[in-house]
């Protein structure tokens, strides 16, 4: 669920949380380099020292009314989430 600032709430319970594993990647069309959205990966931690095998991949499409080449209106967008236990 997104917060008022457009970020995904990552805390779960007292000490478990999701942490971004990379800065994310831009998704663009190959033939015309048109910006489509972002892809990000997050790892699940039981606490600060205990990383699990769970990985969340989030895909967010750019909204049609974005301003600038890489801006995404986060509160008006939808995300596709893929969860994997590796």
C-alpha atoms as a PDB file:
ATOM      1  CA  UNK A   1       0.000   0.000   0.000  1.00  0.00           C
ATOM      2  CA  UNK A   2       1.312   3.445  -0.884  1.00  0.00           C
ATOM      3  CA  UNK A   3       1.728   6.222   1.661  1.00  0.00           C
ATOM      4  CA  UNK A   4       0.694   9.858   1.127  1.00  0.00           C
ATOM      5  CA  UNK A   5       4.198  10.588  -0.205  1.00  0.00           C
ATOM      6  CA  UNK A   6       3.895   7.862  -2.825  1.00  0.00           C
ATOM      7  CA  UNK A   7       6.223   5.350  -1.136  1.00  0.00           C
ATOM      8  CA  UNK A   8       5.298   1.768  -0.427  1.00  0.00           C
ATOM      9  CA  UNK A   9       4.916   1.024   3.280  1.00  0.00           C
ATOM     10  CA  UNK A  10       7.762  -1.428   3.937  1.00  0.00           C
ATOM     11  CA  UNK A  11       7.531  -2.134   7.689  1.00  0.00           C
ATOM     12  CA  UNK A  12       5.833  -5.353   8.763  1.00  0.00           C
ATOM     13  CA  UNK A  13       5.253  -5.938  12.468  1.00  0.00           C
ATOM     14  CA  UNK A  14       7.911  -4.940  14.998  1.00  0.00           C
ATOM     15  CA  UNK A  15      11.145  -5.697  13.146  1.00  0.00           C
ATOM     16  CA  UNK A  16      10.552  -7.234   9.699  1.00  0.00           C
ATOM     17  CA  UNK A  17      10.689  -5.091   6.562  1.00  0.00           C
ATOM     18  CA  UNK A  18      11.331  -4.923   2.811  1.00  0.00           C
ATOM     19  CA  UNK A  19      14.569  -3.202   1.681  1.00  0.00           C
ATOM     20  CA  UNK A  20      15.354  -2.063  -1.852  1.00  0.00           C
ATOM     21  CA  UNK A  21      18.154  -4.207  -3.248  1.00  0.00           C
ATOM     22  CA  UNK A  22      19.011  -1.853  -6.110  1.00  0.00           C
ATOM     23  CA  UNK A  23      18.243   1.665  -7.267  1.00  0.00           C
ATOM     24  CA  UNK A  24      15.697   0.398  -9.744  1.00  0.00           C
ATOM     25  CA  UNK A  25      15.813   0.423 -13.510  1.00  0.00           C
ATOM     26  CA  UNK A  26      13.990   2.433 -16.149  1.00  0.00           C
ATOM     27  CA  UNK A  27      11.938   0.452 -18.642  1.00  0.00           C
ATOM     28  CA  UNK A  28      11.989   1.790 -22.213  1.00  0.00           C
ATOM     29  CA  UNK A  29      10.709   0.524 -25.549  1.00  0.00           C
ATOM     30  CA  UNK A  30      13.528  -0.887 -27.663  1.00  0.00           C
ATOM     31  CA  UNK A  31      12.558   0.505 -31.055  1.00  0.00           C
ATOM     32  CA  UNK A  32      11.878   4.161 -30.107  1.00  0.00           C
ATOM     33  CA  UNK A  33      13.413   4.509 -26.596  1.00  0.00           C
ATOM     34  CA  UNK A  34      10.074   5.735 -25.177  1.00  0.00           C
ATOM     35  CA  UNK A  35       9.983   5.708 -21.359  1.00  0.00           C
ATOM     36  CA  UNK A  36       7.475   3.153 -20.022  1.00  0.00           C
ATOM     37  CA  UNK A  37       8.057   2.999 -16.246  1.00  0.00           C
ATOM     38  CA  UNK A  38      10.291   1.595 -13.513  1.00  0.00           C
ATOM     39  CA  UNK A  39      11.322  -1.826 -12.235  1.00  0.00           C
ATOM     40  CA  UNK A  40      12.551  -2.239  -8.667  1.00  0.00           C
ATOM     41  CA  UNK A  41      13.579  -5.188  -6.497  1.00  0.00           C
ATOM     42  CA  UNK A  42      13.229  -5.508  -2.715  1.00  0.00           C
ATOM     43  CA  UNK A  43      14.536  -8.139  -0.282  1.00  0.00           C
ATOM     44  CA  UNK A  44      12.645  -9.248   2.835  1.00  0.00           C
ATOM     45  CA  UNK A  45      14.400  -9.060   6.225  1.00  0.00           C
ATOM     46  CA  UNK A  46      13.146 -10.647   9.483  1.00  0.00           C
ATOM     47  CA  UNK A  47      15.323  -8.161  11.388  1.00  0.00           C
ATOM     48  CA  UNK A  48      18.348  -5.980  10.607  1.00  0.00           C
ATOM     49  CA  UNK A  49      20.750  -8.921  10.359  1.00  0.00           C
ATOM     50  CA  UNK A  50      18.499 -11.710   9.037  1.00  0.00           C
ATOM     51  CA  UNK A  51      17.856 -11.573   5.279  1.00  0.00           C
ATOM     52  CA  UNK A  52      15.402 -14.157   3.893  1.00  0.00           C
ATOM     53  CA  UNK A  53      15.127 -15.722   0.421  1.00  0.00           C
ATOM     54  CA  UNK A  54      11.996 -13.685  -0.429  1.00  0.00           C
ATOM     55  CA  UNK A  55      12.328 -11.150  -3.261  1.00  0.00           C
ATOM     56  CA  UNK A  56       9.670  -8.683  -4.408  1.00  0.00           C
ATOM     57  CA  UNK A  57       9.856  -7.235  -7.909  1.00  0.00           C
ATOM     58  CA  UNK A  58       7.749  -4.119  -8.460  1.00  0.00           C
ATOM     59  CA  UNK A  59       6.853  -2.837 -11.927  1.00  0.00           C
ATOM     60  CA  UNK A  60       5.349   0.671 -12.133  1.00  0.00           C
ATOM     61  CA  UNK A  61       4.086   2.182 -15.385  1.00  0.00           C
ATOM     62  CA  UNK A  62       4.501   5.866 -16.138  1.00  0.00           C
ATOM     63  CA  UNK A  63       1.242   7.803 -16.054  1.00  0.00           C
ATOM     64  CA  UNK A  64       0.063   9.474 -19.253  1.00  0.00           C
ATOM     65  CA  UNK A  65       0.169  12.947 -17.676  1.00  0.00           C
ATOM     66  CA  UNK A  66       3.730  12.874 -16.353  1.00  0.00           C
ATOM     67  CA  UNK A  67       5.877  16.012 -16.616  1.00  0.00           C
ATOM     68  CA  UNK A  68       9.364  15.449 -17.968  1.00  0.00           C
ATOM     69  CA  UNK A  69      10.896  12.347 -19.514  1.00  0.00           C
ATOM     70  CA  UNK A  70      11.203  10.202 -16.364  1.00  0.00           C
ATOM     71  CA  UNK A  71       8.580  11.431 -13.879  1.00  0.00           C
ATOM     72  CA  UNK A  72       5.910   9.064 -12.604  1.00  0.00           C
ATOM     73  CA  UNK A  73       2.824  10.224 -10.732  1.00  0.00           C
ATOM     74  CA  UNK A  74       3.075   7.656  -7.954  1.00  0.00           C
ATOM     75  CA  UNK A  75      -0.284   8.261  -6.279  1.00  0.00           C
ATOM     76  CA  UNK A  76      -2.138   7.881  -9.570  1.00  0.00           C
ATOM     77  CA  UNK A  77      -0.276   4.813 -10.810  1.00  0.00           C
ATOM     78  CA  UNK A  78      -0.634   1.084 -10.322  1.00  0.00           C
ATOM     79  CA  UNK A  79       2.101  -1.424  -9.616  1.00  0.00           C
ATOM     80  CA  UNK A  80       2.469  -5.053 -10.547  1.00  0.00           C
ATOM     81  CA  UNK A  81       4.170  -7.047  -7.796  1.00  0.00           C
ATOM     82  CA  UNK A  82       5.927 -10.388  -8.291  1.00  0.00           C
ATOM     83  CA  UNK A  83       6.952 -12.324  -5.139  1.00  0.00           C
ATOM     84  CA  UNK A  84       9.518 -15.131  -5.281  1.00  0.00           C
ATOM     85  CA  UNK A  85      11.068 -17.424  -2.682  1.00  0.00           C
ATOM     86  CA  UNK A  86      14.467 -18.306  -4.119  1.00  0.00           C
END
